[in-house]
């Protein structure tokens, strides 16, 4: 939720800067993916607890995937800003 708030704030306060708006727009789907993943995990674990399943409750693939996506979006924005800084 904080990531979504940050991306909306970036888009709101960067009215004339297209690069910053692009960063906010790219970050928004990543934050929505985090929110839906958290909801999915909550519902899955709740179901497992209600049905008294022994587990496993740990997910290794989901957080790793989300982290790679977040790192890729931040690195992409860094290189876009670096390119704009060097050639403008």
PDB file of N, CA and C in Angstrom:
ATOM      1  N   UNK A   1       0.834  -1.177   0.000  1.00  0.00           N
ATOM      2  CA  UNK A   1       0.000   0.000   0.000  1.00  0.00           C
ATOM      3  C   UNK A   1       0.884   1.246   0.000  1.00  0.00           C
ATOM      4  N   UNK A   2       1.968   1.202   0.722  1.00  0.00           N
ATOM      5  CA  UNK A   2       2.881   2.344   0.755  1.00  0.00           C
ATOM      6  C   UNK A   2       3.509   2.563  -0.614  1.00  0.00           C
ATOM      7  N   UNK A   3       3.848   1.484  -1.287  1.00  0.00           N
ATOM      8  CA  UNK A   3       4.422   1.583  -2.632  1.00  0.00           C
ATOM      9  C   UNK A   3       3.422   2.186  -3.608  1.00  0.00           C
ATOM     10  N   UNK A   4       2.154   1.812  -3.497  1.00  0.00           N
ATOM     11  CA  UNK A   4       1.114   2.392  -4.352  1.00  0.00           C
ATOM     12  C   UNK A   4       0.933   3.866  -4.049  1.00  0.00           C
ATOM     13  N   UNK A   5       0.958   4.222  -2.784  1.00  0.00           N
ATOM     14  CA  UNK A   5       0.857   5.631  -2.408  1.00  0.00           C
ATOM     15  C   UNK A   5       2.028   6.448  -2.925  1.00  0.00           C
ATOM     16  N   UNK A   6       3.204   5.853  -2.884  1.00  0.00           N
ATOM     17  CA  UNK A   6       4.381   6.553  -3.409  1.00  0.00           C
ATOM     18  C   UNK A   6       4.282   6.759  -4.910  1.00  0.00           C
ATOM     19  N   UNK A   7       3.800   5.752  -5.632  1.00  0.00           N
ATOM     20  CA  UNK A   7       3.703   5.899  -7.082  1.00  0.00           C
ATOM     21  C   UNK A   7       2.650   6.925  -7.472  1.00  0.00           C
ATOM     22  N   UNK A   8       1.528   6.958  -6.758  1.00  0.00           N
ATOM     23  CA  UNK A   8       0.502   7.974  -7.033  1.00  0.00           C
ATOM     24  C   UNK A   8       1.028   9.366  -6.702  1.00  0.00           C
ATOM     25  N   UNK A   9       1.783   9.488  -5.627  1.00  0.00           N
ATOM     26  CA  UNK A   9       2.365  10.776  -5.261  1.00  0.00           C
ATOM     27  C   UNK A   9       3.370  11.237  -6.304  1.00  0.00           C
ATOM     28  N   UNK A  10       4.174  10.337  -6.813  1.00  0.00           N
ATOM     29  CA  UNK A  10       5.142  10.695  -7.855  1.00  0.00           C
ATOM     30  C   UNK A  10       4.427  11.197  -9.097  1.00  0.00           C
ATOM     31  N   UNK A  11       3.372  10.509  -9.500  1.00  0.00           N
ATOM     32  CA  UNK A  11       2.626  10.944 -10.681  1.00  0.00           C
ATOM     33  C   UNK A  11       1.953  12.293 -10.426  1.00  0.00           C
ATOM     34  N   UNK A  12       1.424  12.501  -9.239  1.00  0.00           N
ATOM     35  CA  UNK A  12       0.719  13.737  -8.923  1.00  0.00           C
ATOM     36  C   UNK A  12       1.645  14.937  -8.920  1.00  0.00           C
ATOM     37  N   UNK A  13       2.801  14.815  -8.309  1.00  0.00           N
ATOM     38  CA  UNK A  13       3.693  15.963  -8.157  1.00  0.00           C
ATOM     39  C   UNK A  13       4.677  16.145  -9.309  1.00  0.00           C
ATOM     40  N   UNK A  14       4.655  15.296 -10.286  1.00  0.00           N
ATOM     41  CA  UNK A  14       5.544  15.476 -11.440  1.00  0.00           C
ATOM     42  C   UNK A  14       4.717  15.794 -12.677  1.00  0.00           C
ATOM     43  N   UNK A  15       4.036  16.893 -12.634  1.00  0.00           N
ATOM     44  CA  UNK A  15       3.097  17.254 -13.696  1.00  0.00           C
ATOM     45  C   UNK A  15       3.788  17.528 -15.023  1.00  0.00           C
ATOM     46  N   UNK A  16       4.916  18.191 -15.011  1.00  0.00           N
ATOM     47  CA  UNK A  16       5.573  18.575 -16.258  1.00  0.00           C
ATOM     48  C   UNK A  16       6.750  17.682 -16.626  1.00  0.00           C
ATOM     49  N   UNK A  17       7.159  16.814 -15.746  1.00  0.00           N
ATOM     50  CA  UNK A  17       8.311  15.951 -15.991  1.00  0.00           C
ATOM     51  C   UNK A  17       7.837  14.574 -16.437  1.00  0.00           C
ATOM     52  N   UNK A  18       8.009  14.267 -17.710  1.00  0.00           N
ATOM     53  CA  UNK A  18       7.519  13.016 -18.281  1.00  0.00           C
ATOM     54  C   UNK A  18       8.264  11.815 -17.709  1.00  0.00           C
ATOM     55  N   UNK A  19       9.529  11.972 -17.423  1.00  0.00           N
ATOM     56  CA  UNK A  19      10.323  10.843 -16.913  1.00  0.00           C
ATOM     57  C   UNK A  19       9.829  10.429 -15.524  1.00  0.00           C
ATOM     58  N   UNK A  20       9.562  11.395 -14.665  1.00  0.00           N
ATOM     59  CA  UNK A  20       9.048  11.057 -13.337  1.00  0.00           C
ATOM     60  C   UNK A  20       7.641  10.478 -13.410  1.00  0.00           C
ATOM     61  N   UNK A  21       6.829  10.975 -14.318  1.00  0.00           N
ATOM     62  CA  UNK A  21       5.502  10.388 -14.491  1.00  0.00           C
ATOM     63  C   UNK A  21       5.603   8.943 -14.955  1.00  0.00           C
ATOM     64  N   UNK A  22       6.540   8.691 -15.850  1.00  0.00           N
ATOM     65  CA  UNK A  22       6.753   7.328 -16.323  1.00  0.00           C
ATOM     66  C   UNK A  22       7.150   6.417 -15.166  1.00  0.00           C
ATOM     67  N   UNK A  23       7.989   6.920 -14.276  1.00  0.00           N
ATOM     68  CA  UNK A  23       8.404   6.126 -13.121  1.00  0.00           C
ATOM     69  C   UNK A  23       7.210   5.782 -12.243  1.00  0.00           C
ATOM     70  N   UNK A  24       6.344   6.757 -11.992  1.00  0.00           N
ATOM     71  CA  UNK A  24       5.159   6.501 -11.187  1.00  0.00           C
ATOM     72  C   UNK A  24       4.214   5.519 -11.845  1.00  0.00           C
ATOM     73  N   UNK A  25       4.057   5.629 -13.159  1.00  0.00           N
ATOM     74  CA  UNK A  25       3.164   4.732 -13.885  1.00  0.00           C
ATOM     75  C   UNK A  25       3.731   3.312 -13.933  1.00  0.00           C
ATOM     76  N   UNK A  26       5.036   3.168 -14.036  1.00  0.00           N
ATOM     77  CA  UNK A  26       5.659   1.834 -14.029  1.00  0.00           C
ATOM     78  C   UNK A  26       5.599   1.222 -12.635  1.00  0.00           C
ATOM     79  N   UNK A  27       5.719   2.032 -11.620  1.00  0.00           N
ATOM     80  CA  UNK A  27       5.724   1.532 -10.250  1.00  0.00           C
ATOM     81  C   UNK A  27       4.332   1.122  -9.780  1.00  0.00           C
ATOM     82  N   UNK A  28       3.303   1.718 -10.343  1.00  0.00           N
ATOM     83  CA  UNK A  28       1.939   1.418  -9.902  1.00  0.00           C
ATOM     84  C   UNK A  28       1.537  -0.045 -10.135  1.00  0.00           C
ATOM     85  N   UNK A  29       1.745  -0.639 -11.322  1.00  0.00           N
ATOM     86  CA  UNK A  29       1.400  -2.061 -11.472  1.00  0.00           C
ATOM     87  C   UNK A  29       2.220  -2.984 -10.569  1.00  0.00           C
ATOM     88  N   UNK A  30       3.446  -2.600 -10.286  1.00  0.00           N
ATOM     89  CA  UNK A  30       4.268  -3.406  -9.377  1.00  0.00           C
ATOM     90  C   UNK A  30       3.649  -3.392  -7.979  1.00  0.00           C
ATOM     91  N   UNK A  31       3.213  -2.224  -7.541  1.00  0.00           N
ATOM     92  CA  UNK A  31       2.596  -2.131  -6.218  1.00  0.00           C
ATOM     93  C   UNK A  31       1.264  -2.873  -6.172  1.00  0.00           C
ATOM     94  N   UNK A  32       0.500  -2.828  -7.240  1.00  0.00           N
ATOM     95  CA  UNK A  32      -0.755  -3.578  -7.293  1.00  0.00           C
ATOM     96  C   UNK A  32      -0.477  -5.081  -7.260  1.00  0.00           C
ATOM     97  N   UNK A  33       0.591  -5.514  -7.910  1.00  0.00           N
ATOM     98  CA  UNK A  33       0.972  -6.927  -7.860  1.00  0.00           C
ATOM     99  C   UNK A  33       1.314  -7.344  -6.426  1.00  0.00           C
ATOM    100  N   UNK A  34       2.004  -6.489  -5.688  1.00  0.00           N
ATOM    101  CA  UNK A  34       2.305  -6.772  -4.287  1.00  0.00           C
ATOM    102  C   UNK A  34       1.025  -6.908  -3.474  1.00  0.00           C
ATOM    103  N   UNK A  35       0.064  -6.014  -3.709  1.00  0.00           N
ATOM    104  CA  UNK A  35      -1.191  -6.037  -2.957  1.00  0.00           C
ATOM    105  C   UNK A  35      -1.970  -7.314  -3.252  1.00  0.00           C
ATOM    106  N   UNK A  36      -2.083  -7.689  -4.530  1.00  0.00           N
ATOM    107  CA  UNK A  36      -2.827  -8.895  -4.871  1.00  0.00           C
ATOM    108  C   UNK A  36      -2.117 -10.160  -4.388  1.00  0.00           C
ATOM    109  N   UNK A  37      -0.800 -10.157  -4.388  1.00  0.00           N
ATOM    110  CA  UNK A  37      -0.071 -11.303  -3.872  1.00  0.00           C
ATOM    111  C   UNK A  37      -0.315 -11.455  -2.369  1.00  0.00           C
ATOM    112  N   UNK A  38      -0.297 -10.345  -1.646  1.00  0.00           N
ATOM    113  CA  UNK A  38      -0.558 -10.403  -0.204  1.00  0.00           C
ATOM    114  C   UNK A  38      -1.968 -10.907   0.068  1.00  0.00           C
ATOM    115  N   UNK A  39      -2.938 -10.466  -0.721  1.00  0.00           N
ATOM    116  CA  UNK A  39      -4.305 -10.944  -0.556  1.00  0.00           C
ATOM    117  C   UNK A  39      -4.396 -12.434  -0.849  1.00  0.00           C
ATOM    118  N   UNK A  40      -3.749 -12.870  -1.917  1.00  0.00           N
ATOM    119  CA  UNK A  40      -3.755 -14.294  -2.268  1.00  0.00           C
ATOM    120  C   UNK A  40      -3.147 -15.135  -1.145  1.00  0.00           C
ATOM    121  N   UNK A  41      -2.024 -14.707  -0.619  1.00  0.00           N
ATOM    122  CA  UNK A  41      -1.369 -15.457   0.455  1.00  0.00           C
ATOM    123  C   UNK A  41      -2.243 -15.495   1.706  1.00  0.00           C
ATOM    124  N   UNK A  42      -2.867 -14.372   2.019  1.00  0.00           N
ATOM    125  CA  UNK A  42      -3.744 -14.329   3.191  1.00  0.00           C
ATOM    126  C   UNK A  42      -4.894 -15.320   3.041  1.00  0.00           C
ATOM    127  N   UNK A  43      -5.545 -15.308   1.871  1.00  0.00           N
ATOM    128  CA  UNK A  43      -6.676 -16.208   1.649  1.00  0.00           C
ATOM    129  C   UNK A  43      -6.238 -17.668   1.636  1.00  0.00           C
ATOM    130  N   UNK A  44      -5.089 -17.943   1.039  1.00  0.00           N
ATOM    131  CA  UNK A  44      -4.587 -19.315   0.984  1.00  0.00           C
ATOM    132  C   UNK A  44      -4.245 -19.834   2.376  1.00  0.00           C
ATOM    133  N   UNK A  45      -3.578 -19.018   3.161  1.00  0.00           N
ATOM    134  CA  UNK A  45      -3.204 -19.458   4.516  1.00  0.00           C
ATOM    135  C   UNK A  45      -4.420 -19.581   5.424  1.00  0.00           C
ATOM    136  N   UNK A  46      -5.388 -18.685   5.256  1.00  0.00           N
ATOM    137  CA  UNK A  46      -6.613 -18.783   6.042  1.00  0.00           C
ATOM    138  C   UNK A  46      -7.343 -20.077   5.746  1.00  0.00           C
ATOM    139  N   UNK A  47      -7.413 -20.437   4.485  1.00  0.00           N
ATOM    140  CA  UNK A  47      -8.056 -21.689   4.088  1.00  0.00           C
ATOM    141  C   UNK A  47      -7.308 -22.882   4.674  1.00  0.00           C
ATOM    142  N   UNK A  48      -5.983 -22.821   4.641  1.00  0.00           N
ATOM    143  CA  UNK A  48      -5.191 -23.927   5.183  1.00  0.00           C
ATOM    144  C   UNK A  48      -5.396 -24.072   6.690  1.00  0.00           C
ATOM    145  N   UNK A  49      -5.508 -22.954   7.390  1.00  0.00           N
ATOM    146  CA  UNK A  49      -5.713 -23.006   8.845  1.00  0.00           C
ATOM    147  C   UNK A  49      -7.094 -23.548   9.160  1.00  0.00           C
ATOM    148  N   UNK A  50      -8.099 -23.090   8.409  1.00  0.00           N
ATOM    149  CA  UNK A  50      -9.468 -23.564   8.653  1.00  0.00           C
ATOM    150  C   UNK A  50      -9.611 -25.063   8.398  1.00  0.00           C
ATOM    151  N   UNK A  51      -8.922 -25.549   7.386  1.00  0.00           N
ATOM    152  CA  UNK A  51      -8.998 -26.973   7.063  1.00  0.00           C
ATOM    153  C   UNK A  51      -7.986 -27.798   7.850  1.00  0.00           C
ATOM    154  N   UNK A  52      -7.243 -27.127   8.716  1.00  0.00           N
ATOM    155  CA  UNK A  52      -6.249 -27.766   9.586  1.00  0.00           C
ATOM    156  C   UNK A  52      -5.223 -28.569   8.799  1.00  0.00           C
ATOM    157  N   UNK A  53      -4.772 -27.980   7.690  1.00  0.00           N
ATOM    158  CA  UNK A  53      -3.729 -28.611   6.884  1.00  0.00           C
ATOM    159  C   UNK A  53      -2.382 -28.388   7.569  1.00  0.00           C
ATOM    160  N   UNK A  54      -1.478 -29.362   7.481  1.00  0.00           N
ATOM    161  CA  UNK A  54      -0.206 -29.245   8.184  1.00  0.00           C
ATOM    162  C   UNK A  54       0.759 -28.239   7.563  1.00  0.00           C
ATOM    163  N   UNK A  55       0.558 -27.833   6.334  1.00  0.00           N
ATOM    164  CA  UNK A  55       1.460 -26.859   5.727  1.00  0.00           C
ATOM    165  C   UNK A  55       1.978 -27.365   4.415  1.00  0.00           C
ATOM    166  N   UNK A  56       2.956 -26.819   3.853  1.00  0.00           N
ATOM    167  CA  UNK A  56       3.801 -25.705   4.297  1.00  0.00           C
ATOM    168  C   UNK A  56       3.130 -24.349   4.061  1.00  0.00           C
ATOM    169  N   UNK A  57       3.384 -23.442   4.963  1.00  0.00           N
ATOM    170  CA  UNK A  57       2.845 -22.097   4.873  1.00  0.00           C
ATOM    171  C   UNK A  57       3.821 -21.133   4.208  1.00  0.00           C
ATOM    172  N   UNK A  58       4.987 -21.588   3.898  1.00  0.00           N
ATOM    173  CA  UNK A  58       6.051 -20.747   3.353  1.00  0.00           C
ATOM    174  C   UNK A  58       5.981 -20.757   1.827  1.00  0.00           C
ATOM    175  N   UNK A  59       6.153 -19.573   1.239  1.00  0.00           N
ATOM    176  CA  UNK A  59       6.223 -19.451  -0.215  1.00  0.00           C
ATOM    177  C   UNK A  59       7.555 -18.798  -0.556  1.00  0.00           C
ATOM    178  N   UNK A  60       8.349 -19.462  -1.364  1.00  0.00           N
ATOM    179  CA  UNK A  60       9.669 -18.952  -1.720  1.00  0.00           C
ATOM    180  C   UNK A  60       9.634 -18.242  -3.068  1.00  0.00           C
ATOM    181  N   UNK A  61       8.842 -18.738  -3.984  1.00  0.00           N
ATOM    182  CA  UNK A  61       8.837 -18.213  -5.354  1.00  0.00           C
ATOM    183  C   UNK A  61       8.201 -16.831  -5.439  1.00  0.00           C
ATOM    184  N   UNK A  62       7.090 -16.611  -4.743  1.00  0.00           N
ATOM    185  CA  UNK A  62       6.359 -15.347  -4.838  1.00  0.00           C
ATOM    186  C   UNK A  62       7.170 -14.123  -4.424  1.00  0.00           C
ATOM    187  N   UNK A  63       7.727 -14.097  -3.218  1.00  0.00           N
ATOM    188  CA  UNK A  63       8.510 -12.933  -2.810  1.00  0.00           C
ATOM    189  C   UNK A  63       9.745 -12.700  -3.684  1.00  0.00           C
ATOM    190  N   UNK A  64      10.367 -13.771  -4.127  1.00  0.00           N
ATOM    191  CA  UNK A  64      11.531 -13.630  -5.002  1.00  0.00           C
ATOM    192  C   UNK A  64      11.136 -12.996  -6.326  1.00  0.00           C
ATOM    193  N   UNK A  65      10.032 -13.453  -6.899  1.00  0.00           N
ATOM    194  CA  UNK A  65       9.554 -12.897  -8.157  1.00  0.00           C
ATOM    195  C   UNK A  65       9.193 -11.423  -8.010  1.00  0.00           C
ATOM    196  N   UNK A  66       8.476 -11.090  -6.948  1.00  0.00           N
ATOM    197  CA  UNK A  66       8.098  -9.696  -6.733  1.00  0.00           C
ATOM    198  C   UNK A  66       9.320  -8.805  -6.519  1.00  0.00           C
ATOM    199  N   UNK A  67      10.317  -9.318  -5.825  1.00  0.00           N
ATOM    200  CA  UNK A  67      11.538  -8.545  -5.602  1.00  0.00           C
ATOM    201  C   UNK A  67      12.285  -8.308  -6.910  1.00  0.00           C
ATOM    202  N   UNK A  68      12.362  -9.318  -7.746  1.00  0.00           N
ATOM    203  CA  UNK A  68      13.031  -9.154  -9.045  1.00  0.00           C
ATOM    204  C   UNK A  68      12.289  -8.135  -9.909  1.00  0.00           C
ATOM    205  N   UNK A  69      10.968  -8.191  -9.909  1.00  0.00           N
ATOM    206  CA  UNK A  69      10.182  -7.226 -10.681  1.00  0.00           C
ATOM    207  C   UNK A  69      10.389  -5.808 -10.153  1.00  0.00           C
ATOM    208  N   UNK A  70      10.387  -5.639  -8.837  1.00  0.00           N
ATOM    209  CA  UNK A  70      10.611  -4.319  -8.252  1.00  0.00           C
ATOM    210  C   UNK A  70      12.011  -3.803  -8.572  1.00  0.00           C
ATOM    211  N   UNK A  71      13.015  -4.665  -8.453  1.00  0.00           N
ATOM    212  CA  UNK A  71      14.382  -4.255  -8.784  1.00  0.00           C
ATOM    213  C   UNK A  71      14.506  -3.878 -10.250  1.00  0.00           C
ATOM    214  N   UNK A  72      13.851  -4.632 -11.126  1.00  0.00           N
ATOM    215  CA  UNK A  72      13.904  -4.330 -12.555  1.00  0.00           C
ATOM    216  C   UNK A  72      13.258  -2.985 -12.858  1.00  0.00           C
ATOM    217  N   UNK A  73      12.144  -2.676 -12.210  1.00  0.00           N
ATOM    218  CA  UNK A  73      11.500  -1.387 -12.467  1.00  0.00           C
ATOM    219  C   UNK A  73      12.340  -0.226 -11.940  1.00  0.00           C
ATOM    220  N   UNK A  74      12.960  -0.399 -10.789  1.00  0.00           N
ATOM    221  CA  UNK A  74      13.809   0.665 -10.238  1.00  0.00           C
ATOM    222  C   UNK A  74      15.068   0.841 -11.082  1.00  0.00           C
ATOM    223  N   UNK A  75      15.668  -0.257 -11.517  1.00  0.00           N
ATOM    224  CA  UNK A  75      16.866  -0.151 -12.353  1.00  0.00           C
ATOM    225  C   UNK A  75      16.540   0.455 -13.718  1.00  0.00           C
ATOM    226  N   UNK A  76      15.401   0.105 -14.268  1.00  0.00           N
ATOM    227  CA  UNK A  76      14.991   0.696 -15.545  1.00  0.00           C
ATOM    228  C   UNK A  76      14.832   2.199 -15.404  1.00  0.00           C
ATOM    229  N   UNK A  77      14.187   2.625 -14.340  1.00  0.00           N
ATOM    230  CA  UNK A  77      14.020   4.067 -14.127  1.00  0.00           C
ATOM    231  C   UNK A  77      15.366   4.753 -13.914  1.00  0.00           C
ATOM    232  N   UNK A  78      16.278   4.108 -13.207  1.00  0.00           N
ATOM    233  CA  UNK A  78      17.597   4.680 -13.001  1.00  0.00           C
ATOM    234  C   UNK A  78      18.311   4.889 -14.334  1.00  0.00           C
ATOM    235  N   UNK A  79      18.273   3.877 -15.205  1.00  0.00           N
ATOM    236  CA  UNK A  79      18.949   4.007 -16.492  1.00  0.00           C
ATOM    237  C   UNK A  79      18.266   5.016 -17.408  1.00  0.00           C
ATOM    238  N   UNK A  80      16.951   5.141 -17.308  1.00  0.00           N
ATOM    239  CA  UNK A  80      16.246   6.166 -18.092  1.00  0.00           C
ATOM    240  C   UNK A  80      16.671   7.559 -17.628  1.00  0.00           C
ATOM    241  N   UNK A  81      16.731   7.760 -16.319  1.00  0.00           N
ATOM    242  CA  UNK A  81      17.170   9.065 -15.804  1.00  0.00           C
ATOM    243  C   UNK A  81      18.636   9.332 -16.127  1.00  0.00           C
ATOM    244  N   UNK A  82      19.462   8.315 -16.057  1.00  0.00           N
ATOM    245  CA  UNK A  82      20.875   8.472 -16.394  1.00  0.00           C
ATOM    246  C   UNK A  82      21.030   8.839 -17.866  1.00  0.00           C
ATOM    247  N   UNK A  83      20.269   8.204 -18.720  1.00  0.00           N
ATOM    248  CA  UNK A  83      20.321   8.523 -20.152  1.00  0.00           C
ATOM    249  C   UNK A  83      19.832   9.949 -20.402  1.00  0.00           C
ATOM    250  N   UNK A  84      18.780  10.353 -19.737  1.00  0.00           N
ATOM    251  CA  UNK A  84      18.281  11.717 -19.894  1.00  0.00           C
ATOM    252  C   UNK A  84      19.281  12.739 -19.367  1.00  0.00           C
ATOM    253  N   UNK A  85      19.977  12.397 -18.278  1.00  0.00           N
ATOM    254  CA  UNK A  85      20.960  13.308 -17.706  1.00  0.00           C
ATOM    255  C   UNK A  85      22.170  13.450 -18.622  1.00  0.00           C
ATOM    256  N   UNK A  86      22.605  12.360 -19.217  1.00  0.00           N
ATOM    257  CA  UNK A  86      23.816  12.397 -20.028  1.00  0.00           C
ATOM    258  C   UNK A  86      23.581  13.029 -21.404  1.00  0.00           C
ATOM    259  N   UNK A  87      22.394  12.878 -21.953  1.00  0.00           N
ATOM    260  CA  UNK A  87      22.164  13.341 -23.324  1.00  0.00           C
ATOM    261  C   UNK A  87      21.272  14.569 -23.427  1.00  0.00           C
ATOM    262  N   UNK A  88      20.907  15.167 -22.315  1.00  0.00           N
ATOM    263  CA  UNK A  88      20.121  16.409 -22.372  1.00  0.00           C
ATOM    264  C   UNK A  88      20.906  17.588 -21.884  1.00  0.00           C
TER     265      UNK A  88
END
